[in-house]
Structures are given as structure tokens and as C-alpha cells.
Amino acid sequence: MSDNKEMVTKEEMITKIRAAIGDRATWFALLFDEFCKELPEEKVIELSRKAITRYGFMKSAKDPEPFKAKDWVIRHKEKGSADVFDSDIEYDDKQATQRMKACALVDAWKAMNYSPEKIDLFCDIAMDGDRGRAQGHSNITMELHETIGKGCDFCRLVIKEN
């Protein structure tokens, strides 16, 4: 920790935020496992997607209007998420790309020894938040290309204006 006990460095803060994200990934995985003991896995997947998509809609309701593709990645950078997810962003007037090279969610699921298939599933469910956010805007689409959950080196989101 830095010398000043009230201040942390940017790197220390990123580590703390990633740890908090990892905790939430752990909670999700444990809830998923417990729900699968009581319900068919397909139902748990369906309900998980529904809940995470709802979160995305809630997030979209907080976005300024009009909301443009570039606003998505600019907000990602301005709120510090680009540092937490080690993101590269690019944008022009009609399209934006967000390339994330670190994921505390996937790191947590790997540490819990989930199979690559289960990690891919959890990752895809988590991305329903971004899908829901995009769906909350009539003028935006979001395409998910590579993902760390599938074993790629990064996740790539392409946000386009209709």
C-alpha cells in the first residue's frame, strides 16, 4: 500500500476492484450451482439470463439520451472500467469497439476449477448485461465477438448505431 494510509495507488485500486468483481463472480457461480440442485439447469440458465438482461436494461436507463456508440466506450473509460478490464477502445461517429484483455469474472471461475464449457456459459450469461444495455437503446446494437470465456486473449464488443 502507498505511504499515505488514506490513499491508494491506481494499481492498488484496480486490484481491489478486480477482487470485488471476482467475489461477485464467485457468488453467481455458487448461486447457479445451488439453484441447479433444485431446478433443471436449463431453467437456471433461463432465469439467470433474464435477471442479468434486466440489469442491462437498468443500466441503459441511466445512460444519457441521445446515446451513441461512442458514448458506450467513452463512459467505460471515464468511469475507470477500461483500467479494470485493461481495455482498448476505438470509435468513430457510427461505431465503437471495446477490447478487454483482463476479466476478474473469468479469473474467479478458473480459480474455482470450473470447466472451460461452464466458464464460457457463465461468461455468456454475464454478457447478457451488455446485451440488455444495448437493447435498452433503440438506436444501438452490440455484437460480441471474441471472449476470454471462450479461451480467447480478449473480449471484443462492437457497438453500432442503427
N, C-alpha and C. Protein backbone atom coordinates (compact mmCIF):
# COMPACT_ATOMS: atom_id res chain seq x y z
N MET A 1 0.84 -1.18 0.00
CA MET A 1 0.00 0.00 0.00
C MET A 1 0.89 1.24 0.00
N SER A 2 0.39 2.30 -0.52
CA SER A 2 1.14 3.54 -0.57
C SER A 2 1.39 4.06 0.84
N ASP A 3 2.33 5.01 0.97
CA ASP A 3 2.70 5.56 2.28
C ASP A 3 1.52 6.22 2.98
N ASN A 4 0.74 6.96 2.27
CA ASN A 4 -0.42 7.63 2.86
C ASN A 4 -1.52 6.59 3.05
N LYS A 5 -1.88 6.32 4.30
CA LYS A 5 -2.84 5.25 4.60
C LYS A 5 -4.24 5.54 4.07
N GLU A 6 -4.52 6.79 3.76
CA GLU A 6 -5.84 7.14 3.23
C GLU A 6 -5.89 7.09 1.71
N MET A 7 -4.76 6.99 1.08
CA MET A 7 -4.71 7.00 -0.38
C MET A 7 -4.15 5.67 -0.87
N VAL A 8 -4.66 5.22 -1.99
CA VAL A 8 -4.11 4.03 -2.63
C VAL A 8 -3.69 4.42 -4.04
N THR A 9 -2.76 3.66 -4.57
CA THR A 9 -2.33 3.94 -5.94
C THR A 9 -3.39 3.43 -6.91
N LYS A 10 -3.28 3.85 -8.13
CA LYS A 10 -4.21 3.39 -9.17
C LYS A 10 -4.14 1.86 -9.28
N GLU A 11 -2.94 1.31 -9.25
CA GLU A 11 -2.78 -0.14 -9.36
C GLU A 11 -3.42 -0.86 -8.18
N GLU A 12 -3.27 -0.31 -6.97
CA GLU A 12 -3.90 -0.91 -5.80
C GLU A 12 -5.42 -0.87 -5.92
N MET A 13 -5.94 0.23 -6.42
CA MET A 13 -7.39 0.35 -6.58
C MET A 13 -7.90 -0.65 -7.62
N ILE A 14 -7.19 -0.79 -8.71
CA ILE A 14 -7.59 -1.76 -9.74
C ILE A 14 -7.60 -3.16 -9.15
N THR A 15 -6.61 -3.50 -8.36
CA THR A 15 -6.55 -4.81 -7.71
C THR A 15 -7.75 -5.02 -6.80
N LYS A 16 -8.10 -3.99 -6.04
CA LYS A 16 -9.25 -4.09 -5.13
C LYS A 16 -10.56 -4.24 -5.89
N ILE A 17 -10.72 -3.50 -6.96
CA ILE A 17 -11.95 -3.59 -7.76
C ILE A 17 -12.05 -4.95 -8.42
N ARG A 18 -10.93 -5.44 -8.96
CA ARG A 18 -10.94 -6.78 -9.56
C ARG A 18 -11.30 -7.84 -8.53
N ALA A 19 -10.81 -7.68 -7.31
CA ALA A 19 -11.15 -8.64 -6.24
C ALA A 19 -12.65 -8.60 -5.95
N ALA A 20 -13.22 -7.41 -5.92
CA ALA A 20 -14.67 -7.29 -5.67
C ALA A 20 -15.46 -7.92 -6.81
N ILE A 21 -15.03 -7.71 -8.03
CA ILE A 21 -15.70 -8.34 -9.18
C ILE A 21 -15.57 -9.85 -9.08
N GLY A 22 -14.40 -10.32 -8.70
CA GLY A 22 -14.20 -11.77 -8.52
C GLY A 22 -15.11 -12.35 -7.46
N ASP A 23 -15.32 -11.59 -6.38
CA ASP A 23 -16.25 -12.04 -5.34
C ASP A 23 -17.65 -12.22 -5.92
N ARG A 24 -18.08 -11.27 -6.71
CA ARG A 24 -19.42 -11.36 -7.30
C ARG A 24 -19.53 -12.52 -8.29
N ALA A 25 -18.44 -12.78 -9.01
CA ALA A 25 -18.43 -13.94 -9.90
C ALA A 25 -18.55 -15.23 -9.09
N THR A 26 -17.90 -15.28 -7.96
CA THR A 26 -17.97 -16.45 -7.08
C THR A 26 -19.40 -16.62 -6.56
N TRP A 27 -20.00 -15.52 -6.11
CA TRP A 27 -21.38 -15.60 -5.63
C TRP A 27 -22.30 -16.12 -6.72
N PHE A 28 -22.15 -15.58 -7.93
CA PHE A 28 -23.00 -16.02 -9.03
C PHE A 28 -22.84 -17.52 -9.26
N ALA A 29 -21.61 -17.99 -9.33
CA ALA A 29 -21.36 -19.41 -9.59
C ALA A 29 -21.96 -20.30 -8.50
N LEU A 30 -21.80 -19.88 -7.26
CA LEU A 30 -22.35 -20.68 -6.15
C LEU A 30 -23.88 -20.68 -6.18
N LEU A 31 -24.48 -19.53 -6.46
CA LEU A 31 -25.94 -19.49 -6.60
C LEU A 31 -26.40 -20.39 -7.74
N PHE A 32 -25.71 -20.30 -8.86
CA PHE A 32 -26.04 -21.12 -10.02
C PHE A 32 -26.02 -22.60 -9.64
N ASP A 33 -24.93 -23.01 -8.99
CA ASP A 33 -24.80 -24.42 -8.60
C ASP A 33 -25.93 -24.86 -7.66
N GLU A 34 -26.24 -24.03 -6.68
CA GLU A 34 -27.30 -24.38 -5.72
C GLU A 34 -28.67 -24.42 -6.40
N PHE A 35 -28.94 -23.46 -7.26
CA PHE A 35 -30.22 -23.46 -7.97
C PHE A 35 -30.35 -24.70 -8.86
N CYS A 36 -29.22 -25.15 -9.43
CA CYS A 36 -29.25 -26.34 -10.28
C CYS A 36 -29.55 -27.61 -9.48
N LYS A 37 -29.38 -27.58 -8.19
CA LYS A 37 -29.74 -28.72 -7.35
C LYS A 37 -31.25 -28.81 -7.18
N GLU A 38 -31.95 -27.71 -7.37
CA GLU A 38 -33.39 -27.64 -7.17
C GLU A 38 -34.20 -27.53 -8.46
N LEU A 39 -33.56 -27.03 -9.51
CA LEU A 39 -34.23 -26.80 -10.80
C LEU A 39 -33.40 -27.40 -11.92
N PRO A 40 -34.03 -27.70 -13.04
CA PRO A 40 -33.24 -28.15 -14.19
C PRO A 40 -32.26 -27.04 -14.62
N GLU A 41 -31.07 -27.41 -15.03
CA GLU A 41 -30.06 -26.43 -15.40
C GLU A 41 -30.57 -25.46 -16.46
N GLU A 42 -31.35 -25.96 -17.42
CA GLU A 42 -31.87 -25.09 -18.48
C GLU A 42 -32.72 -23.96 -17.90
N LYS A 43 -33.49 -24.27 -16.84
CA LYS A 43 -34.32 -23.25 -16.19
C LYS A 43 -33.44 -22.24 -15.45
N VAL A 44 -32.39 -22.72 -14.81
CA VAL A 44 -31.47 -21.82 -14.09
C VAL A 44 -30.78 -20.89 -15.10
N ILE A 45 -30.38 -21.43 -16.24
CA ILE A 45 -29.77 -20.61 -17.29
C ILE A 45 -30.77 -19.55 -17.76
N GLU A 46 -31.98 -19.98 -18.03
CA GLU A 46 -33.03 -19.05 -18.50
C GLU A 46 -33.26 -17.92 -17.50
N LEU A 47 -33.41 -18.26 -16.23
CA LEU A 47 -33.67 -17.25 -15.21
C LEU A 47 -32.46 -16.35 -14.98
N SER A 48 -31.27 -16.92 -15.04
CA SER A 48 -30.05 -16.13 -14.89
C SER A 48 -29.93 -15.10 -16.01
N ARG A 49 -30.19 -15.55 -17.22
CA ARG A 49 -30.13 -14.63 -18.37
C ARG A 49 -31.17 -13.52 -18.23
N LYS A 50 -32.35 -13.90 -17.79
CA LYS A 50 -33.43 -12.92 -17.62
C LYS A 50 -33.02 -11.85 -16.60
N ALA A 51 -32.46 -12.28 -15.48
CA ALA A 51 -32.06 -11.35 -14.43
C ALA A 51 -30.92 -10.44 -14.89
N ILE A 52 -29.92 -11.00 -15.54
CA ILE A 52 -28.77 -10.20 -15.97
C ILE A 52 -29.17 -9.26 -17.10
N THR A 53 -30.07 -9.70 -17.97
CA THR A 53 -30.58 -8.80 -19.02
C THR A 53 -31.33 -7.64 -18.39
N ARG A 54 -32.10 -7.92 -17.35
CA ARG A 54 -32.80 -6.85 -16.62
C ARG A 54 -31.82 -5.82 -16.09
N TYR A 55 -30.71 -6.30 -15.56
CA TYR A 55 -29.67 -5.39 -15.09
C TYR A 55 -29.19 -4.49 -16.23
N GLY A 56 -28.99 -5.07 -17.40
CA GLY A 56 -28.57 -4.29 -18.56
C GLY A 56 -29.57 -3.20 -18.92
N PHE A 57 -30.87 -3.55 -18.84
CA PHE A 57 -31.91 -2.54 -19.09
C PHE A 57 -31.85 -1.43 -18.03
N MET A 58 -31.61 -1.81 -16.78
CA MET A 58 -31.49 -0.81 -15.71
C MET A 58 -30.32 0.12 -15.99
N LYS A 59 -29.23 -0.46 -16.47
CA LYS A 59 -28.04 0.34 -16.79
C LYS A 59 -28.33 1.29 -17.95
N SER A 60 -29.05 0.80 -18.96
CA SER A 60 -29.35 1.65 -20.12
C SER A 60 -30.23 2.83 -19.73
N ALA A 61 -31.08 2.64 -18.73
CA ALA A 61 -31.96 3.72 -18.28
C ALA A 61 -31.17 4.87 -17.67
N LYS A 62 -29.95 4.61 -17.23
CA LYS A 62 -29.10 5.65 -16.64
C LYS A 62 -28.23 6.34 -17.68
N ASP A 63 -28.19 5.80 -18.90
CA ASP A 63 -27.38 6.41 -19.95
C ASP A 63 -28.04 7.70 -20.43
N PRO A 64 -27.24 8.67 -20.82
CA PRO A 64 -27.81 9.92 -21.34
C PRO A 64 -28.45 9.69 -22.71
N GLU A 65 -29.39 10.51 -23.02
CA GLU A 65 -30.03 10.46 -24.34
C GLU A 65 -29.75 11.76 -25.06
N PRO A 66 -29.45 11.75 -26.33
CA PRO A 66 -29.31 10.54 -27.14
C PRO A 66 -28.02 9.80 -26.77
N PHE A 67 -28.06 8.49 -26.91
CA PHE A 67 -26.92 7.65 -26.57
C PHE A 67 -26.32 7.11 -27.86
N LYS A 68 -25.06 7.37 -28.06
CA LYS A 68 -24.37 6.96 -29.29
C LYS A 68 -23.36 5.86 -28.99
N ALA A 69 -22.95 5.17 -30.03
CA ALA A 69 -21.99 4.07 -29.87
C ALA A 69 -20.73 4.54 -29.16
N LYS A 70 -20.24 5.70 -29.53
CA LYS A 70 -19.01 6.19 -28.90
C LYS A 70 -19.22 6.49 -27.41
N ASP A 71 -20.45 6.86 -27.02
CA ASP A 71 -20.73 7.13 -25.61
C ASP A 71 -20.50 5.89 -24.75
N TRP A 72 -20.81 4.72 -25.32
CA TRP A 72 -20.63 3.45 -24.60
C TRP A 72 -19.17 3.31 -24.14
N VAL A 73 -18.24 3.44 -25.08
CA VAL A 73 -16.83 3.22 -24.74
C VAL A 73 -16.22 4.40 -23.99
N ILE A 74 -16.69 5.60 -24.27
CA ILE A 74 -16.20 6.76 -23.53
C ILE A 74 -16.59 6.63 -22.06
N ARG A 75 -17.83 6.23 -21.78
CA ARG A 75 -18.27 6.03 -20.39
C ARG A 75 -17.47 4.90 -19.73
N HIS A 76 -17.19 3.84 -20.49
CA HIS A 76 -16.38 2.72 -19.99
C HIS A 76 -15.02 3.24 -19.52
N LYS A 77 -14.44 4.12 -20.30
CA LYS A 77 -13.14 4.69 -19.95
C LYS A 77 -13.25 5.69 -18.80
N GLU A 78 -14.20 6.60 -18.88
CA GLU A 78 -14.32 7.67 -17.89
C GLU A 78 -14.62 7.15 -16.48
N LYS A 79 -15.39 6.08 -16.37
CA LYS A 79 -15.71 5.59 -15.03
C LYS A 79 -14.64 4.65 -14.46
N GLY A 80 -13.58 4.39 -15.23
CA GLY A 80 -12.47 3.59 -14.75
C GLY A 80 -12.53 2.12 -15.13
N SER A 81 -13.61 1.69 -15.75
CA SER A 81 -13.74 0.28 -16.12
C SER A 81 -12.70 -0.14 -17.15
N ALA A 82 -12.28 0.79 -17.99
CA ALA A 82 -11.28 0.45 -19.00
C ALA A 82 -9.97 0.03 -18.33
N ASP A 83 -9.65 0.64 -17.20
CA ASP A 83 -8.45 0.24 -16.46
C ASP A 83 -8.64 -1.12 -15.79
N VAL A 84 -9.81 -1.33 -15.20
CA VAL A 84 -10.08 -2.59 -14.50
C VAL A 84 -10.05 -3.77 -15.47
N PHE A 85 -10.60 -3.59 -16.67
CA PHE A 85 -10.66 -4.67 -17.66
C PHE A 85 -9.52 -4.58 -18.68
N ASP A 86 -8.56 -3.69 -18.44
CA ASP A 86 -7.41 -3.49 -19.33
C ASP A 86 -7.89 -3.37 -20.78
N SER A 87 -8.73 -2.36 -21.00
CA SER A 87 -9.43 -2.21 -22.28
C SER A 87 -8.75 -1.24 -23.23
N ASP A 88 -8.85 -1.57 -24.49
CA ASP A 88 -8.53 -0.65 -25.57
C ASP A 88 -9.86 -0.26 -26.20
N ILE A 89 -10.01 1.01 -26.51
CA ILE A 89 -11.25 1.45 -27.14
C ILE A 89 -10.93 2.24 -28.40
N GLU A 90 -11.84 2.12 -29.36
CA GLU A 90 -11.77 2.88 -30.61
C GLU A 90 -13.19 3.28 -30.95
N TYR A 91 -13.34 4.42 -31.59
CA TYR A 91 -14.68 4.82 -32.01
C TYR A 91 -14.61 5.86 -33.11
N ASP A 92 -15.71 5.91 -33.85
CA ASP A 92 -15.93 6.97 -34.82
C ASP A 92 -17.38 7.41 -34.64
N ASP A 93 -17.94 8.06 -35.64
CA ASP A 93 -19.29 8.61 -35.48
C ASP A 93 -20.40 7.56 -35.44
N LYS A 94 -20.16 6.35 -35.94
CA LYS A 94 -21.23 5.35 -36.03
C LYS A 94 -20.93 4.02 -35.34
N GLN A 95 -19.69 3.81 -34.91
CA GLN A 95 -19.31 2.51 -34.36
C GLN A 95 -18.24 2.68 -33.30
N ALA A 96 -18.25 1.79 -32.33
CA ALA A 96 -17.22 1.78 -31.30
C ALA A 96 -16.81 0.34 -31.02
N THR A 97 -15.55 0.17 -30.65
CA THR A 97 -15.04 -1.15 -30.31
C THR A 97 -14.39 -1.08 -28.93
N GLN A 98 -14.72 -2.05 -28.13
CA GLN A 98 -14.16 -2.18 -26.78
C GLN A 98 -13.48 -3.53 -26.73
N ARG A 99 -12.18 -3.55 -26.48
CA ARG A 99 -11.39 -4.78 -26.44
C ARG A 99 -10.83 -4.92 -25.03
N MET A 100 -11.36 -5.89 -24.27
CA MET A 100 -10.97 -6.07 -22.87
C MET A 100 -10.02 -7.25 -22.75
N LYS A 101 -8.88 -7.01 -22.12
CA LYS A 101 -7.84 -8.04 -22.03
C LYS A 101 -7.71 -8.67 -20.66
N ALA A 102 -8.50 -8.22 -19.70
CA ALA A 102 -8.48 -8.79 -18.35
C ALA A 102 -9.92 -8.98 -17.89
N CYS A 103 -10.18 -10.09 -17.20
CA CYS A 103 -11.53 -10.34 -16.71
C CYS A 103 -11.47 -11.05 -15.36
N ALA A 104 -11.82 -10.30 -14.31
CA ALA A 104 -11.82 -10.87 -12.96
C ALA A 104 -12.90 -11.93 -12.80
N LEU A 105 -13.97 -11.85 -13.59
CA LEU A 105 -15.01 -12.88 -13.54
C LEU A 105 -14.43 -14.23 -13.96
N VAL A 106 -13.82 -14.25 -15.14
CA VAL A 106 -13.25 -15.50 -15.65
C VAL A 106 -12.13 -15.99 -14.73
N ASP A 107 -11.32 -15.07 -14.24
CA ASP A 107 -10.25 -15.47 -13.31
C ASP A 107 -10.83 -16.19 -12.09
N ALA A 108 -11.93 -15.67 -11.55
CA ALA A 108 -12.56 -16.30 -10.37
C ALA A 108 -13.09 -17.68 -10.71
N TRP A 109 -13.75 -17.80 -11.86
CA TRP A 109 -14.33 -19.10 -12.24
C TRP A 109 -13.23 -20.12 -12.50
N LYS A 110 -12.11 -19.69 -13.07
CA LYS A 110 -10.97 -20.59 -13.26
C LYS A 110 -10.43 -21.04 -11.90
N ALA A 111 -10.31 -20.10 -10.96
CA ALA A 111 -9.80 -20.43 -9.63
C ALA A 111 -10.71 -21.42 -8.91
N MET A 112 -11.99 -21.44 -9.28
CA MET A 112 -12.94 -22.38 -8.68
C MET A 112 -12.95 -23.72 -9.42
N ASN A 113 -12.08 -23.84 -10.42
CA ASN A 113 -11.91 -25.08 -11.19
C ASN A 113 -13.12 -25.47 -12.03
N TYR A 114 -13.85 -24.47 -12.53
CA TYR A 114 -14.94 -24.78 -13.45
C TYR A 114 -14.37 -25.20 -14.79
N SER A 115 -15.11 -26.01 -15.50
CA SER A 115 -14.70 -26.48 -16.82
C SER A 115 -14.70 -25.31 -17.81
N PRO A 116 -13.94 -25.42 -18.88
CA PRO A 116 -13.98 -24.36 -19.90
C PRO A 116 -15.39 -24.12 -20.44
N GLU A 117 -16.18 -25.18 -20.55
CA GLU A 117 -17.55 -25.03 -21.05
C GLU A 117 -18.42 -24.24 -20.06
N LYS A 118 -18.26 -24.52 -18.78
CA LYS A 118 -19.04 -23.80 -17.76
C LYS A 118 -18.59 -22.34 -17.69
N ILE A 119 -17.30 -22.10 -17.79
CA ILE A 119 -16.79 -20.72 -17.80
C ILE A 119 -17.35 -19.97 -18.99
N ASP A 120 -17.38 -20.60 -20.14
CA ASP A 120 -17.95 -19.98 -21.34
C ASP A 120 -19.43 -19.64 -21.12
N LEU A 121 -20.16 -20.57 -20.50
CA LEU A 121 -21.58 -20.33 -20.20
C LEU A 121 -21.75 -19.15 -19.24
N PHE A 122 -21.00 -19.17 -18.14
CA PHE A 122 -21.10 -18.08 -17.16
C PHE A 122 -20.75 -16.74 -17.80
N CYS A 123 -19.71 -16.74 -18.60
CA CYS A 123 -19.28 -15.53 -19.30
C CYS A 123 -20.40 -15.02 -20.21
N ASP A 124 -21.00 -15.93 -20.96
CA ASP A 124 -22.06 -15.53 -21.89
C ASP A 124 -23.27 -14.97 -21.13
N ILE A 125 -23.59 -15.58 -19.99
CA ILE A 125 -24.69 -15.07 -19.17
C ILE A 125 -24.34 -13.66 -18.67
N ALA A 126 -23.11 -13.48 -18.21
CA ALA A 126 -22.68 -12.16 -17.73
C ALA A 126 -22.79 -11.12 -18.84
N MET A 127 -22.50 -11.52 -20.06
CA MET A 127 -22.57 -10.58 -21.18
C MET A 127 -24.00 -10.20 -21.53
N ASP A 128 -24.98 -10.92 -20.98
CA ASP A 128 -26.37 -10.51 -21.17
C ASP A 128 -26.63 -9.14 -20.58
N GLY A 129 -25.81 -8.72 -19.62
CA GLY A 129 -25.92 -7.36 -19.11
C GLY A 129 -25.64 -6.34 -20.19
N ASP A 130 -24.60 -6.58 -20.97
CA ASP A 130 -24.28 -5.67 -22.08
C ASP A 130 -25.31 -5.78 -23.20
N ARG A 131 -25.77 -7.00 -23.43
CA ARG A 131 -26.82 -7.16 -24.45
C ARG A 131 -28.09 -6.40 -24.04
N GLY A 132 -28.46 -6.52 -22.77
CA GLY A 132 -29.63 -5.81 -22.27
C GLY A 132 -29.45 -4.30 -22.35
N ARG A 133 -28.25 -3.85 -22.04
CA ARG A 133 -27.99 -2.40 -22.14
C ARG A 133 -28.19 -1.93 -23.57
N ALA A 134 -27.65 -2.68 -24.51
CA ALA A 134 -27.82 -2.30 -25.93
C ALA A 134 -29.29 -2.34 -26.32
N GLN A 135 -30.01 -3.37 -25.89
CA GLN A 135 -31.43 -3.48 -26.23
C GLN A 135 -32.25 -2.35 -25.63
N GLY A 136 -31.75 -1.75 -24.56
CA GLY A 136 -32.43 -0.63 -23.94
C GLY A 136 -32.37 0.65 -24.76
N HIS A 137 -31.57 0.63 -25.80
CA HIS A 137 -31.43 1.78 -26.70
C HIS A 137 -31.88 1.36 -28.10
N SER A 138 -32.89 2.01 -28.63
CA SER A 138 -33.42 1.62 -29.94
C SER A 138 -32.44 1.89 -31.08
N ASN A 139 -31.44 2.71 -30.83
CA ASN A 139 -30.51 3.08 -31.91
C ASN A 139 -29.16 2.39 -31.81
N ILE A 140 -29.01 1.44 -30.89
CA ILE A 140 -27.72 0.79 -30.65
C ILE A 140 -27.84 -0.73 -30.79
N THR A 141 -26.82 -1.33 -31.39
CA THR A 141 -26.68 -2.79 -31.35
C THR A 141 -25.30 -3.10 -30.79
N MET A 142 -25.18 -4.24 -30.16
CA MET A 142 -23.90 -4.67 -29.61
C MET A 142 -23.62 -6.08 -30.11
N GLU A 143 -22.48 -6.25 -30.73
CA GLU A 143 -22.05 -7.57 -31.19
C GLU A 143 -20.89 -8.01 -30.32
N LEU A 144 -20.97 -9.23 -29.86
CA LEU A 144 -19.90 -9.81 -29.06
C LEU A 144 -19.11 -10.76 -29.95
N HIS A 145 -17.86 -10.51 -30.06
CA HIS A 145 -17.01 -11.34 -30.92
C HIS A 145 -16.18 -12.27 -30.03
N GLU A 146 -14.89 -12.11 -30.00
CA GLU A 146 -14.05 -12.96 -29.16
C GLU A 146 -14.39 -12.73 -27.69
N THR A 147 -14.21 -13.79 -26.88
CA THR A 147 -14.39 -13.64 -25.43
C THR A 147 -13.30 -14.41 -24.68
N ILE A 148 -12.92 -13.86 -23.56
CA ILE A 148 -11.96 -14.54 -22.69
C ILE A 148 -12.58 -15.84 -22.18
N GLY A 149 -13.89 -15.82 -21.96
CA GLY A 149 -14.60 -17.01 -21.50
C GLY A 149 -14.51 -18.18 -22.47
N LYS A 150 -14.37 -17.88 -23.76
CA LYS A 150 -14.21 -18.94 -24.77
C LYS A 150 -12.75 -19.37 -24.91
N GLY A 151 -11.86 -18.69 -24.18
CA GLY A 151 -10.45 -19.02 -24.26
C GLY A 151 -9.64 -18.05 -25.11
N CYS A 152 -10.28 -17.02 -25.62
CA CYS A 152 -9.57 -16.01 -26.41
C CYS A 152 -8.73 -15.13 -25.47
N ASP A 153 -7.82 -14.38 -26.04
CA ASP A 153 -6.97 -13.50 -25.24
C ASP A 153 -7.69 -12.23 -24.79
N PHE A 154 -8.85 -11.96 -25.36
CA PHE A 154 -9.59 -10.73 -25.05
C PHE A 154 -11.05 -10.91 -25.42
N CYS A 155 -11.87 -10.00 -24.89
CA CYS A 155 -13.27 -9.90 -25.30
C CYS A 155 -13.37 -8.68 -26.21
N ARG A 156 -14.13 -8.81 -27.28
CA ARG A 156 -14.29 -7.68 -28.20
C ARG A 156 -15.77 -7.43 -28.41
N LEU A 157 -16.18 -6.25 -28.00
CA LEU A 157 -17.55 -5.79 -28.23
C LEU A 157 -17.51 -4.75 -29.32
N VAL A 158 -18.45 -4.87 -30.25
CA VAL A 158 -18.61 -3.85 -31.29
C VAL A 158 -20.00 -3.26 -31.12
N ILE A 159 -20.02 -1.96 -30.86
CA ILE A 159 -21.28 -1.26 -30.65
C ILE A 159 -21.53 -0.41 -31.89
N LYS A 160 -22.70 -0.57 -32.47
CA LYS A 160 -23.04 0.14 -33.70
C LYS A 160 -24.32 0.93 -33.53
N GLU A 161 -24.39 2.02 -34.26
CA GLU A 161 -25.62 2.78 -34.31
C GLU A 161 -26.42 2.31 -35.51
N ASN A 162 -27.72 2.19 -35.34
CA ASN A 162 -28.61 1.74 -36.42
C ASN A 162 -28.75 2.82 -37.47
